[in-house]
Amino acid sequence: MATVTKKELADRIADALNEKRVLVKDIVQRLLDEMIAELAKGHRLEFRDFGVFEVRTRKPRMAQNPRTLERVLVPIKTTVKFKVGRLMKDRIQKVTPPPRGRKPERPVAPTASTPVPPPPA
């Protein structure tokens, strides 16, 4: 899977719009800065058909150190949740390969304990 950087995206947009790369890079950065600022205020960002960003607070909980088995308190944690929108979900479903590490399922050959249906007459 390839990684696309912010610079590469800005370059693509600049080429498509026939604008200066510096201007487009600044616009992309300002968009990201504004998104961060709004999320930091606790606001929800909704981009129709793309997705929704919202701030979530995880409750404190008890966990266990797997090495020492000592119980430790995990404090409150604030994180950003992203929910995929309809358009993105539809497009990704069409092009996404199966997850890595998993082989596609193959038909299993019948064994002596598995009844084999008779061939159609």
PDB file of N, CA and C in Angstrom:
ATOM      1  N   MET A   1       0.858  -1.176   0.000  1.00  0.00           N
ATOM      2  CA  MET A   1       0.000   0.000   0.000  1.00  0.00           C
ATOM      3  C   MET A   1       0.901   1.235   0.000  1.00  0.00           C
ATOM      4  N   ALA A   2       0.635   2.131  -0.897  1.00  0.00           N
ATOM      5  CA  ALA A   2       1.442   3.346  -1.029  1.00  0.00           C
ATOM      6  C   ALA A   2       0.990   4.405  -0.026  1.00  0.00           C
ATOM      7  N   THR A   3       1.922   5.251   0.355  1.00  0.00           N
ATOM      8  CA  THR A   3       1.614   6.373   1.232  1.00  0.00           C
ATOM      9  C   THR A   3       1.646   7.649   0.411  1.00  0.00           C
ATOM     10  N   VAL A   4       0.634   8.482   0.584  1.00  0.00           N
ATOM     11  CA  VAL A   4       0.566   9.766  -0.114  1.00  0.00           C
ATOM     12  C   VAL A   4       0.731  10.860   0.933  1.00  0.00           C
ATOM     13  N   THR A   5       1.650  11.782   0.681  1.00  0.00           N
ATOM     14  CA  THR A   5       1.914  12.851   1.641  1.00  0.00           C
ATOM     15  C   THR A   5       1.060  14.083   1.349  1.00  0.00           C
ATOM     16  N   LYS A   6       1.044  14.983   2.322  1.00  0.00           N
ATOM     17  CA  LYS A   6       0.314  16.247   2.157  1.00  0.00           C
ATOM     18  C   LYS A   6       0.892  17.026   0.979  1.00  0.00           C
ATOM     19  N   LYS A   7       2.198  17.013   0.829  1.00  0.00           N
ATOM     20  CA  LYS A   7       2.850  17.707  -0.286  1.00  0.00           C
ATOM     21  C   LYS A   7       2.396  17.131  -1.627  1.00  0.00           C
ATOM     22  N   GLU A   8       2.338  15.811  -1.727  1.00  0.00           N
ATOM     23  CA  GLU A   8       1.905  15.191  -2.972  1.00  0.00           C
ATOM     24  C   GLU A   8       0.456  15.556  -3.306  1.00  0.00           C
ATOM     25  N   LEU A   9      -0.397  15.559  -2.292  1.00  0.00           N
ATOM     26  CA  LEU A   9      -1.791  15.955  -2.529  1.00  0.00           C
ATOM     27  C   LEU A   9      -1.879  17.411  -2.988  1.00  0.00           C
ATOM     28  N   ALA A  10      -1.113  18.286  -2.320  1.00  0.00           N
ATOM     29  CA  ALA A  10      -1.122  19.703  -2.706  1.00  0.00           C
ATOM     30  C   ALA A  10      -0.607  19.866  -4.128  1.00  0.00           C
ATOM     31  N   ASP A  11       0.405  19.105  -4.496  1.00  0.00           N
ATOM     32  CA  ASP A  11       0.939  19.180  -5.867  1.00  0.00           C
ATOM     33  C   ASP A  11      -0.106  18.738  -6.883  1.00  0.00           C
ATOM     34  N   ARG A  12      -0.835  17.673  -6.589  1.00  0.00           N
ATOM     35  CA  ARG A  12      -1.883  17.196  -7.506  1.00  0.00           C
ATOM     36  C   ARG A  12      -2.978  18.254  -7.695  1.00  0.00           C
ATOM     37  N   ILE A  13      -3.378  18.859  -6.577  1.00  0.00           N
ATOM     38  CA  ILE A  13      -4.429  19.885  -6.639  1.00  0.00           C
ATOM     39  C   ILE A  13      -3.931  21.089  -7.429  1.00  0.00           C
ATOM     40  N   ALA A  14      -2.677  21.490  -7.176  1.00  0.00           N
ATOM     41  CA  ALA A  14      -2.102  22.638  -7.889  1.00  0.00           C
ATOM     42  C   ALA A  14      -2.068  22.365  -9.391  1.00  0.00           C
ATOM     43  N   ASP A  15      -1.684  21.159  -9.766  1.00  0.00           N
ATOM     44  CA  ASP A  15      -1.654  20.810 -11.194  1.00  0.00           C
ATOM     45  C   ASP A  15      -3.058  20.828 -11.798  1.00  0.00           C
ATOM     46  N   ALA A  16      -4.020  20.267 -11.055  1.00  0.00           N
ATOM     47  CA  ALA A  16      -5.391  20.200 -11.573  1.00  0.00           C
ATOM     48  C   ALA A  16      -6.009  21.586 -11.723  1.00  0.00           C
ATOM     49  N   LEU A  17      -5.681  22.499 -10.811  1.00  0.00           N
ATOM     50  CA  LEU A  17      -6.253  23.849 -10.854  1.00  0.00           C
ATOM     51  C   LEU A  17      -5.366  24.849 -11.589  1.00  0.00           C
ATOM     52  N   ASN A  18      -4.180  24.406 -11.985  1.00  0.00           N
ATOM     53  CA  ASN A  18      -3.219  25.272 -12.644  1.00  0.00           C
ATOM     54  C   ASN A  18      -2.884  26.475 -11.759  1.00  0.00           C
ATOM     55  N   GLU A  19      -2.657  26.183 -10.468  1.00  0.00           N
ATOM     56  CA  GLU A  19      -2.299  27.213  -9.492  1.00  0.00           C
ATOM     57  C   GLU A  19      -0.888  26.951  -8.984  1.00  0.00           C
ATOM     58  N   LYS A  20      -0.336  27.936  -8.295  1.00  0.00           N
ATOM     59  CA  LYS A  20       1.010  27.784  -7.726  1.00  0.00           C
ATOM     60  C   LYS A  20       0.964  26.788  -6.574  1.00  0.00           C
ATOM     61  N   ARG A  21       1.989  25.947  -6.525  1.00  0.00           N
ATOM     62  CA  ARG A  21       2.066  24.921  -5.483  1.00  0.00           C
ATOM     63  C   ARG A  21       2.100  25.531  -4.078  1.00  0.00           C
ATOM     64  N   VAL A  22       2.805  26.640  -3.937  1.00  0.00           N
ATOM     65  CA  VAL A  22       2.929  27.291  -2.630  1.00  0.00           C
ATOM     66  C   VAL A  22       1.558  27.741  -2.122  1.00  0.00           C
ATOM     67  N   LEU A  23       0.746  28.305  -3.009  1.00  0.00           N
ATOM     68  CA  LEU A  23      -0.593  28.765  -2.626  1.00  0.00           C
ATOM     69  C   LEU A  23      -1.458  27.585  -2.188  1.00  0.00           C
ATOM     70  N   VAL A  24      -1.470  26.525  -2.972  1.00  0.00           N
ATOM     71  CA  VAL A  24      -2.300  25.362  -2.662  1.00  0.00           C
ATOM     72  C   VAL A  24      -1.814  24.697  -1.378  1.00  0.00           C
ATOM     73  N   LYS A  25      -0.496  24.602  -1.196  1.00  0.00           N
ATOM     74  CA  LYS A  25       0.048  24.010   0.027  1.00  0.00           C
ATOM     75  C   LYS A  25      -0.405  24.815   1.246  1.00  0.00           C
ATOM     76  N   ASP A  26      -0.398  26.146   1.129  1.00  0.00           N
ATOM     77  CA  ASP A  26      -0.834  27.011   2.226  1.00  0.00           C
ATOM     78  C   ASP A  26      -2.326  26.811   2.514  1.00  0.00           C
ATOM     79  N   ILE A  27      -3.136  26.662   1.477  1.00  0.00           N
ATOM     80  CA  ILE A  27      -4.578  26.450   1.657  1.00  0.00           C
ATOM     81  C   ILE A  27      -4.835  25.118   2.356  1.00  0.00           C
ATOM     82  N   VAL A  28      -4.147  24.074   1.903  1.00  0.00           N
ATOM     83  CA  VAL A  28      -4.317  22.751   2.524  1.00  0.00           C
ATOM     84  C   VAL A  28      -3.914  22.817   3.997  1.00  0.00           C
ATOM     85  N   GLN A  29      -2.789  23.470   4.297  1.00  0.00           N
ATOM     86  CA  GLN A  29      -2.334  23.574   5.684  1.00  0.00           C
ATOM     87  C   GLN A  29      -3.316  24.376   6.530  1.00  0.00           C
ATOM     88  N   ARG A  30      -3.862  25.434   5.984  1.00  0.00           N
ATOM     89  CA  ARG A  30      -4.835  26.246   6.727  1.00  0.00           C
ATOM     90  C   ARG A  30      -6.122  25.459   6.995  1.00  0.00           C
ATOM     91  N   LEU A  31      -6.540  24.646   6.030  1.00  0.00           N
ATOM     92  CA  LEU A  31      -7.702  23.791   6.244  1.00  0.00           C
ATOM     93  C   LEU A  31      -7.444  22.840   7.413  1.00  0.00           C
ATOM     94  N   LEU A  32      -6.292  22.191   7.414  1.00  0.00           N
ATOM     95  CA  LEU A  32      -5.967  21.263   8.493  1.00  0.00           C
ATOM     96  C   LEU A  32      -5.864  21.983   9.838  1.00  0.00           C
ATOM     97  N   ASP A  33      -5.258  23.177   9.839  1.00  0.00           N
ATOM     98  CA  ASP A  33      -5.147  23.955  11.082  1.00  0.00           C
ATOM     99  C   ASP A  33      -6.527  24.320  11.623  1.00  0.00           C
ATOM    100  N   GLU A  34      -7.435  24.718  10.736  1.00  0.00           N
ATOM    101  CA  GLU A  34      -8.799  25.062  11.164  1.00  0.00           C
ATOM    102  C   GLU A  34      -9.535  23.840  11.705  1.00  0.00           C
ATOM    103  N   MET A  35      -9.338  22.705  11.063  1.00  0.00           N
ATOM    104  CA  MET A  35      -9.970  21.475  11.546  1.00  0.00           C
ATOM    105  C   MET A  35      -9.489  21.157  12.954  1.00  0.00           C
ATOM    106  N   ILE A  36      -8.180  21.249  13.165  1.00  0.00           N
ATOM    107  CA  ILE A  36      -7.609  20.972  14.487  1.00  0.00           C
ATOM    108  C   ILE A  36      -8.155  21.956  15.516  1.00  0.00           C
ATOM    109  N   ALA A  37      -8.228  23.229  15.152  1.00  0.00           N
ATOM    110  CA  ALA A  37      -8.723  24.251  16.080  1.00  0.00           C
ATOM    111  C   ALA A  37     -10.172  23.974  16.482  1.00  0.00           C
ATOM    112  N   GLU A  38     -11.008  23.608  15.523  1.00  0.00           N
ATOM    113  CA  GLU A  38     -12.415  23.322  15.834  1.00  0.00           C
ATOM    114  C   GLU A  38     -12.551  22.066  16.705  1.00  0.00           C
ATOM    115  N   LEU A  39     -11.780  21.046  16.391  1.00  0.00           N
ATOM    116  CA  LEU A  39     -11.829  19.830  17.217  1.00  0.00           C
ATOM    117  C   LEU A  39     -11.322  20.119  18.623  1.00  0.00           C
ATOM    118  N   ALA A  40     -10.304  20.974  18.747  1.00  0.00           N
ATOM    119  CA  ALA A  40      -9.781  21.341  20.064  1.00  0.00           C
ATOM    120  C   ALA A  40     -10.822  22.078  20.896  1.00  0.00           C
ATOM    121  N   LYS A  41     -11.749  22.773  20.236  1.00  0.00           N
ATOM    122  CA  LYS A  41     -12.845  23.459  20.933  1.00  0.00           C
ATOM    123  C   LYS A  41     -13.962  22.480  21.302  1.00  0.00           C
ATOM    124  N   GLY A  42     -13.860  21.250  20.831  1.00  0.00           N
ATOM    125  CA  GLY A  42     -14.888  20.256  21.122  1.00  0.00           C
ATOM    126  C   GLY A  42     -15.989  20.212  20.089  1.00  0.00           C
ATOM    127  N   HIS A  43     -15.806  20.910  18.969  1.00  0.00           N
ATOM    128  CA  HIS A  43     -16.826  20.937  17.926  1.00  0.00           C
ATOM    129  C   HIS A  43     -16.745  19.705  17.044  1.00  0.00           C
ATOM    130  N   ARG A  44     -17.841  19.417  16.409  1.00  0.00           N
ATOM    131  CA  ARG A  44     -17.964  18.284  15.489  1.00  0.00           C
ATOM    132  C   ARG A  44     -17.789  18.817  14.072  1.00  0.00           C
ATOM    133  N   LEU A  45     -17.007  18.134  13.241  1.00  0.00           N
ATOM    134  CA  LEU A  45     -16.816  18.536  11.854  1.00  0.00           C
ATOM    135  C   LEU A  45     -17.528  17.541  10.959  1.00  0.00           C
ATOM    136  N   GLU A  46     -18.407  18.035  10.132  1.00  0.00           N
ATOM    137  CA  GLU A  46     -19.178  17.157   9.253  1.00  0.00           C
ATOM    138  C   GLU A  46     -18.965  17.576   7.810  1.00  0.00           C
ATOM    139  N   PHE A  47     -18.466  16.634   7.015  1.00  0.00           N
ATOM    140  CA  PHE A  47     -18.288  16.841   5.586  1.00  0.00           C
ATOM    141  C   PHE A  47     -19.205  15.841   4.897  1.00  0.00           C
ATOM    142  N   ARG A  48     -20.295  16.326   4.332  1.00  0.00           N
ATOM    143  CA  ARG A  48     -21.307  15.453   3.718  1.00  0.00           C
ATOM    144  C   ARG A  48     -20.668  14.477   2.740  1.00  0.00           C
ATOM    145  N   ASP A  49     -21.091  13.231   2.819  1.00  0.00           N
ATOM    146  CA  ASP A  49     -20.641  12.122   1.979  1.00  0.00           C
ATOM    147  C   ASP A  49     -19.179  11.733   2.198  1.00  0.00           C
ATOM    148  N   PHE A  50     -18.395  12.548   2.909  1.00  0.00           N
ATOM    149  CA  PHE A  50     -16.993  12.213   3.183  1.00  0.00           C
ATOM    150  C   PHE A  50     -16.878  11.551   4.544  1.00  0.00           C
ATOM    151  N   GLY A  51     -17.350  12.261   5.585  1.00  0.00           N
ATOM    152  CA  GLY A  51     -17.289  11.697   6.918  1.00  0.00           C
ATOM    153  C   GLY A  51     -17.454  12.746   7.988  1.00  0.00           C
ATOM    154  N   VAL A  52     -17.416  12.269   9.236  1.00  0.00           N
ATOM    155  CA  VAL A  52     -17.614  13.133  10.402  1.00  0.00           C
ATOM    156  C   VAL A  52     -16.470  12.919  11.381  1.00  0.00           C
ATOM    157  N   PHE A  53     -15.884  14.028  11.840  1.00  0.00           N
ATOM    158  CA  PHE A  53     -14.862  13.988  12.883  1.00  0.00           C
ATOM    159  C   PHE A  53     -15.513  14.483  14.160  1.00  0.00           C
ATOM    160  N   GLU A  54     -15.309  13.779  15.255  1.00  0.00           N
ATOM    161  CA  GLU A  54     -15.804  14.287  16.536  1.00  0.00           C
ATOM    162  C   GLU A  54     -14.880  13.869  17.660  1.00  0.00           C
ATOM    163  N   VAL A  55     -14.846  14.704  18.696  1.00  0.00           N
ATOM    164  CA  VAL A  55     -13.989  14.457  19.846  1.00  0.00           C
ATOM    165  C   VAL A  55     -14.726  13.534  20.803  1.00  0.00           C
ATOM    166  N   ARG A  56     -14.031  12.518  21.258  1.00  0.00           N
ATOM    167  CA  ARG A  56     -14.599  11.580  22.224  1.00  0.00           C
ATOM    168  C   ARG A  56     -13.683  11.523  23.440  1.00  0.00           C
ATOM    169  N   THR A  57     -14.278  11.368  24.593  1.00  0.00           N
ATOM    170  CA  THR A  57     -13.517  11.219  25.828  1.00  0.00           C
ATOM    171  C   THR A  57     -13.713   9.799  26.339  1.00  0.00           C
ATOM    172  N   ARG A  58     -12.607   9.104  26.523  1.00  0.00           N
ATOM    173  CA  ARG A  58     -12.670   7.747  27.065  1.00  0.00           C
ATOM    174  C   ARG A  58     -12.625   7.811  28.581  1.00  0.00           C
ATOM    175  N   LYS A  59     -13.436   7.009  29.212  1.00  0.00           N
ATOM    176  CA  LYS A  59     -13.488   6.988  30.669  1.00  0.00           C
ATOM    177  C   LYS A  59     -12.206   6.384  31.240  1.00  0.00           C
ATOM    178  N   PRO A  60     -11.868   6.769  32.488  1.00  0.00           N
ATOM    179  CA  PRO A  60     -10.715   6.107  33.122  1.00  0.00           C
ATOM    180  C   PRO A  60     -11.074   4.642  33.390  1.00  0.00           C
ATOM    181  N   ARG A  61     -10.068   3.779  33.376  1.00  0.00           N
ATOM    182  CA  ARG A  61     -10.340   2.362  33.593  1.00  0.00           C
ATOM    183  C   ARG A  61      -9.141   1.692  34.240  1.00  0.00           C
ATOM    184  N   MET A  62      -9.376   0.527  34.749  1.00  0.00           N
ATOM    185  CA  MET A  62      -8.294  -0.275  35.317  1.00  0.00           C
ATOM    186  C   MET A  62      -7.799  -1.229  34.239  1.00  0.00           C
ATOM    187  N   ALA A  63      -6.490  -1.360  34.128  1.00  0.00           N
ATOM    188  CA  ALA A  63      -5.879  -2.285  33.181  1.00  0.00           C
ATOM    189  C   ALA A  63      -4.840  -3.103  33.938  1.00  0.00           C
ATOM    190  N   GLN A  64      -4.211  -4.018  33.233  1.00  0.00           N
ATOM    191  CA  GLN A  64      -3.241  -4.884  33.885  1.00  0.00           C
ATOM    192  C   GLN A  64      -1.971  -4.943  33.052  1.00  0.00           C
ATOM    193  N   ASN A  65      -0.829  -4.771  33.728  1.00  0.00           N
ATOM    194  CA  ASN A  65       0.460  -4.910  33.068  1.00  0.00           C
ATOM    195  C   ASN A  65       0.653  -6.399  32.777  1.00  0.00           C
ATOM    196  N   PRO A  66       0.806  -6.800  31.514  1.00  0.00           N
ATOM    197  CA  PRO A  66       0.892  -8.226  31.203  1.00  0.00           C
ATOM    198  C   PRO A  66       2.144  -8.912  31.752  1.00  0.00           C
ATOM    199  N   ARG A  67       3.221  -8.164  31.960  1.00  0.00           N
ATOM    200  CA  ARG A  67       4.444  -8.779  32.499  1.00  0.00           C
ATOM    201  C   ARG A  67       4.359  -9.024  33.992  1.00  0.00           C
ATOM    202  N   THR A  68       3.956  -7.982  34.725  1.00  0.00           N
ATOM    203  CA  THR A  68       3.968  -8.073  36.189  1.00  0.00           C
ATOM    204  C   THR A  68       2.605  -8.419  36.764  1.00  0.00           C
ATOM    205  N   LEU A  69       1.576  -8.371  35.930  1.00  0.00           N
ATOM    206  CA  LEU A  69       0.187  -8.587  36.340  1.00  0.00           C
ATOM    207  C   LEU A  69      -0.289  -7.542  37.345  1.00  0.00           C
ATOM    208  N   GLU A  70       0.471  -6.453  37.456  1.00  0.00           N
ATOM    209  CA  GLU A  70       0.097  -5.358  38.351  1.00  0.00           C
ATOM    210  C   GLU A  70      -1.048  -4.575  37.734  1.00  0.00           C
ATOM    211  N   ARG A  71      -2.043  -4.212  38.534  1.00  0.00           N
ATOM    212  CA  ARG A  71      -3.174  -3.438  38.048  1.00  0.00           C
ATOM    213  C   ARG A  71      -2.781  -1.968  38.048  1.00  0.00           C
ATOM    214  N   VAL A  72      -3.112  -1.272  36.945  1.00  0.00           N
ATOM    215  CA  VAL A  72      -2.771   0.137  36.817  1.00  0.00           C
ATOM    216  C   VAL A  72      -3.996   0.909  36.357  1.00  0.00           C
ATOM    217  N   LEU A  73      -4.061   2.162  36.756  1.00  0.00           N
ATOM    218  CA  LEU A  73      -5.163   3.031  36.353  1.00  0.00           C
ATOM    219  C   LEU A  73      -4.803   3.716  35.043  1.00  0.00           C
ATOM    220  N   VAL A  74      -5.651   3.568  34.046  1.00  0.00           N
ATOM    221  CA  VAL A  74      -5.483   4.277  32.776  1.00  0.00           C
ATOM    222  C   VAL A  74      -6.354   5.525  32.882  1.00  0.00           C
ATOM    223  N   PRO A  75      -5.748   6.712  32.797  1.00  0.00           N
ATOM    224  CA  PRO A  75      -6.513   7.944  32.999  1.00  0.00           C
ATOM    225  C   PRO A  75      -7.463   8.252  31.842  1.00  0.00           C
ATOM    226  N   ILE A  76      -8.273   9.291  32.041  1.00  0.00           N
ATOM    227  CA  ILE A  76      -9.178   9.773  30.992  1.00  0.00           C
ATOM    228  C   ILE A  76      -8.347  10.129  29.765  1.00  0.00           C
ATOM    229  N   LYS A  77      -8.860   9.790  28.603  1.00  0.00           N
ATOM    230  CA  LYS A  77      -8.148  10.087  27.363  1.00  0.00           C
ATOM    231  C   LYS A  77      -9.116  10.713  26.368  1.00  0.00           C
ATOM    232  N   THR A  78      -8.681  11.801  25.751  1.00  0.00           N
ATOM    233  CA  THR A  78      -9.481  12.454  24.720  1.00  0.00           C
ATOM    234  C   THR A  78      -8.906  12.067  23.370  1.00  0.00           C
ATOM    235  N   THR A  79      -9.773  11.679  22.459  1.00  0.00           N
ATOM    236  CA  THR A  79      -9.335  11.237  21.142  1.00  0.00           C
ATOM    237  C   THR A  79     -10.309  11.738  20.080  1.00  0.00           C
ATOM    238  N   VAL A  80      -9.937  11.618  18.827  1.00  0.00           N
ATOM    239  CA  VAL A  80     -10.795  12.024  17.722  1.00  0.00           C
ATOM    240  C   VAL A  80     -11.311  10.773  17.033  1.00  0.00           C
ATOM    241  N   LYS A  81     -12.613  10.731  16.827  1.00  0.00           N
ATOM    242  CA  LYS A  81     -13.241   9.611  16.131  1.00  0.00           C
ATOM    243  C   LYS A  81     -13.630  10.094  14.740  1.00  0.00           C
ATOM    244  N   PHE A  82     -13.410   9.229  13.753  1.00  0.00           N
ATOM    245  CA  PHE A  82     -13.815   9.542  12.389  1.00  0.00           C
ATOM    246  C   PHE A  82     -14.792   8.485  11.929  1.00  0.00           C
ATOM    247  N   LYS A  83     -15.942   8.927  11.459  1.00  0.00           N
ATOM    248  CA  LYS A  83     -16.935   8.018  10.908  1.00  0.00           C
ATOM    249  C   LYS A  83     -17.002   8.250   9.410  1.00  0.00           C
ATOM    250  N   VAL A  84     -16.787   7.206   8.655  1.00  0.00           N
ATOM    251  CA  VAL A  84     -16.732   7.291   7.194  1.00  0.00           C
ATOM    252  C   VAL A  84     -18.101   7.630   6.627  1.00  0.00           C
ATOM    253  N   GLY A  85     -18.118   8.541   5.657  1.00  0.00           N
ATOM    254  CA  GLY A  85     -19.352   8.931   4.991  1.00  0.00           C
ATOM    255  C   GLY A  85     -19.717   7.979   3.867  1.00  0.00           C
ATOM    256  N   ARG A  86     -20.907   8.152   3.353  1.00  0.00           N
ATOM    257  CA  ARG A  86     -21.468   7.244   2.343  1.00  0.00           C
ATOM    258  C   ARG A  86     -20.630   7.185   1.067  1.00  0.00           C
ATOM    259  N   LEU A  87     -20.268   8.330   0.515  1.00  0.00           N
ATOM    260  CA  LEU A  87     -19.521   8.359  -0.740  1.00  0.00           C
ATOM    261  C   LEU A  87     -18.165   7.670  -0.582  1.00  0.00           C
ATOM    262  N   MET A  88     -17.451   7.990   0.486  1.00  0.00           N
ATOM    263  CA  MET A  88     -16.144   7.373   0.709  1.00  0.00           C
ATOM    264  C   MET A  88     -16.295   5.869   0.910  1.00  0.00           C
ATOM    265  N   LYS A  89     -17.284   5.474   1.687  1.00  0.00           N
ATOM    266  CA  LYS A  89     -17.503   4.053   1.952  1.00  0.00           C
ATOM    267  C   LYS A  89     -17.769   3.294   0.649  1.00  0.00           C
ATOM    268  N   ASP A  90     -18.617   3.861  -0.200  1.00  0.00           N
ATOM    269  CA  ASP A  90     -18.932   3.218  -1.480  1.00  0.00           C
ATOM    270  C   ASP A  90     -17.702   3.086  -2.373  1.00  0.00           C
ATOM    271  N   ARG A  91     -16.901   4.137  -2.452  1.00  0.00           N
ATOM    272  CA  ARG A  91     -15.713   4.095  -3.313  1.00  0.00           C
ATOM    273  C   ARG A  91     -14.669   3.126  -2.768  1.00  0.00           C
ATOM    274  N   ILE A  92     -14.478   3.110  -1.469  1.00  0.00           N
ATOM    275  CA  ILE A  92     -13.476   2.222  -0.872  1.00  0.00           C
ATOM    276  C   ILE A  92     -13.893   0.769  -1.026  1.00  0.00           C
ATOM    277  N   GLN A  93     -15.180   0.491  -0.900  1.00  0.00           N
ATOM    278  CA  GLN A  93     -15.668  -0.885  -1.053  1.00  0.00           C
ATOM    279  C   GLN A  93     -15.335  -1.436  -2.435  1.00  0.00           C
ATOM    280  N   LYS A  94     -15.329  -0.573  -3.444  1.00  0.00           N
ATOM    281  CA  LYS A  94     -15.086  -1.010  -4.823  1.00  0.00           C
ATOM    282  C   LYS A  94     -13.623  -1.325  -5.100  1.00  0.00           C
ATOM    283  N   VAL A  95     -12.688  -0.671  -4.413  1.00  0.00           N
ATOM    284  CA  VAL A  95     -11.275  -0.813  -4.759  1.00  0.00           C
ATOM    285  C   VAL A  95     -10.403  -1.472  -3.699  1.00  0.00           C
ATOM    286  N   THR A  96     -10.913  -1.707  -2.513  1.00  0.00           N
ATOM    287  CA  THR A  96     -10.089  -2.224  -1.433  1.00  0.00           C
ATOM    288  C   THR A  96      -9.847  -3.719  -1.597  1.00  0.00           C
ATOM    289  N   PRO A  97      -8.567  -4.137  -1.600  1.00  0.00           N
ATOM    290  CA  PRO A  97      -8.273  -5.569  -1.653  1.00  0.00           C
ATOM    291  C   PRO A  97      -8.541  -6.212  -0.299  1.00  0.00           C
ATOM    292  N   PRO A  98      -8.588  -7.537  -0.218  1.00  0.00           N
ATOM    293  CA  PRO A  98      -8.805  -8.174   1.077  1.00  0.00           C
ATOM    294  C   PRO A  98      -7.663  -7.830   2.037  1.00  0.00           C
ATOM    295  N   PRO A  99      -7.899  -7.881   3.350  1.00  0.00           N
ATOM    296  CA  PRO A  99      -6.862  -7.526   4.322  1.00  0.00           C
ATOM    297  C   PRO A  99      -5.621  -8.394   4.148  1.00  0.00           C
ATOM    298  N   ARG A 100      -4.440  -7.792   4.400  1.00  0.00           N
ATOM    299  CA  ARG A 100      -3.190  -8.536   4.292  1.00  0.00           C
ATOM    300  C   ARG A 100      -3.110  -9.574   5.396  1.00  0.00           C
ATOM    301  N   GLY A 101      -2.406 -10.647   5.111  1.00  0.00           N
ATOM    302  CA  GLY A 101      -2.219 -11.683   6.119  1.00  0.00           C
ATOM    303  C   GLY A 101      -3.295 -12.749   6.073  1.00  0.00           C
ATOM    304  N   ARG A 102      -4.367 -12.481   5.387  1.00  0.00           N
ATOM    305  CA  ARG A 102      -5.437 -13.459   5.270  1.00  0.00           C
ATOM    306  C   ARG A 102      -5.474 -13.975   3.841  1.00  0.00           C
ATOM    307  N   LYS A 103      -5.479 -15.278   3.719  1.00  0.00           N
ATOM    308  CA  LYS A 103      -5.556 -15.872   2.399  1.00  0.00           C
ATOM    309  C   LYS A 103      -7.023 -16.001   2.015  1.00  0.00           C
ATOM    310  N   PRO A 104      -7.324 -15.861   0.730  1.00  0.00           N
ATOM    311  CA  PRO A 104      -8.718 -16.040   0.320  1.00  0.00           C
ATOM    312  C   PRO A 104      -9.160 -17.469   0.616  1.00  0.00           C
ATOM    313  N   GLU A 105     -10.408 -17.606   0.995  1.00  0.00           N
ATOM    314  CA  GLU A 105     -10.917 -18.935   1.332  1.00  0.00           C
ATOM    315  C   GLU A 105     -10.993 -19.801   0.094  1.00  0.00           C
ATOM    316  N   ARG A 106     -10.519 -21.049   0.242  1.00  0.00           N
ATOM    317  CA  ARG A 106     -10.592 -22.014  -0.843  1.00  0.00           C
ATOM    318  C   ARG A 106     -11.635 -23.054  -0.483  1.00  0.00           C
ATOM    319  N   PRO A 107     -12.253 -23.655  -1.482  1.00  0.00           N
ATOM    320  CA  PRO A 107     -13.213 -24.714  -1.164  1.00  0.00           C
ATOM    321  C   PRO A 107     -12.479 -25.871  -0.492  1.00  0.00           C
ATOM    322  N   VAL A 108     -13.113 -26.447   0.511  1.00  0.00           N
ATOM    323  CA  VAL A 108     -12.518 -27.550   1.262  1.00  0.00           C
ATOM    324  C   VAL A 108     -12.923 -28.855   0.593  1.00  0.00           C
ATOM    325  N   ALA A 109     -11.921 -29.710   0.378  1.00  0.00           N
ATOM    326  CA  ALA A 109     -12.205 -31.023  -0.215  1.00  0.00           C
ATOM    327  C   ALA A 109     -12.957 -31.865   0.799  1.00  0.00           C
ATOM    328  N   PRO A 110     -13.953 -32.624   0.360  1.00  0.00           N
ATOM    329  CA  PRO A 110     -14.699 -33.462   1.299  1.00  0.00           C
ATOM    330  C   PRO A 110     -13.803 -34.553   1.876  1.00  0.00           C
ATOM    331  N   THR A 111     -14.035 -34.849   3.149  1.00  0.00           N
ATOM    332  CA  THR A 111     -13.293 -35.926   3.813  1.00  0.00           C
ATOM    333  C   THR A 111     -14.223 -37.107   3.976  1.00  0.00           C
ATOM    334  N   ALA A 112     -13.673 -38.191   4.532  1.00  0.00           N
ATOM    335  CA  ALA A 112     -14.481 -39.404   4.703  1.00  0.00           C
ATOM    336  C   ALA A 112     -15.659 -39.141   5.628  1.00  0.00           C
ATOM    337  N   SER A 113     -15.508 -38.227   6.589  1.00  0.00           N
ATOM    338  CA  SER A 113     -16.602 -37.951   7.526  1.00  0.00           C
ATOM    339  C   SER A 113     -17.625 -36.975   6.958  1.00  0.00           C
ATOM    340  N   THR A 114     -17.284 -36.292   5.837  1.00  0.00           N
ATOM    341  CA  THR A 114     -18.209 -35.339   5.239  1.00  0.00           C
ATOM    342  C   THR A 114     -19.001 -36.031   4.141  1.00  0.00           C
ATOM    343  N   PRO A 115     -20.344 -36.056   4.272  1.00  0.00           N
ATOM    344  CA  PRO A 115     -21.123 -36.688   3.225  1.00  0.00           C
ATOM    345  C   PRO A 115     -21.023 -35.913   1.914  1.00  0.00           C
ATOM    346  N   VAL A 116     -20.864 -36.658   0.822  1.00  0.00           N
ATOM    347  CA  VAL A 116     -20.783 -36.057  -0.490  1.00  0.00           C
ATOM    348  C   VAL A 116     -22.122 -36.226  -1.174  1.00  0.00           C
ATOM    349  N   PRO A 117     -22.723 -35.125  -1.644  1.00  0.00           N
ATOM    350  CA  PRO A 117     -24.018 -35.269  -2.321  1.00  0.00           C
ATOM    351  C   PRO A 117     -23.843 -35.999  -3.640  1.00  0.00           C
ATOM    352  N   PRO A 118     -24.834 -36.781  -4.025  1.00  0.00           N
ATOM    353  CA  PRO A 118     -24.730 -37.521  -5.287  1.00  0.00           C
ATOM    354  C   PRO A 118     -24.785 -36.560  -6.463  1.00  0.00           C
ATOM    355  N   PRO A 119     -24.135 -36.912  -7.579  1.00  0.00           N
ATOM    356  CA  PRO A 119     -24.170 -36.017  -8.739  1.00  0.00           C
ATOM    357  C   PRO A 119     -25.581 -35.919  -9.296  1.00  0.00           C
ATOM    358  N   PRO A 120     -25.918 -34.759  -9.891  1.00  0.00           N
ATOM    359  CA  PRO A 120     -27.261 -34.594 -10.440  1.00  0.00           C
ATOM    360  C   PRO A 120     -27.493 -35.572 -11.597  1.00  0.00           C
ATOM    361  N   ALA A 121     -28.694 -36.134 -11.653  1.00  0.00           N
ATOM    362  CA  ALA A 121     -29.007 -37.138 -12.678  1.00  0.00           C
ATOM    363  C   ALA A 121     -29.426 -36.504 -13.967  1.00  0.00           C
TER     364      ALA A 121
END
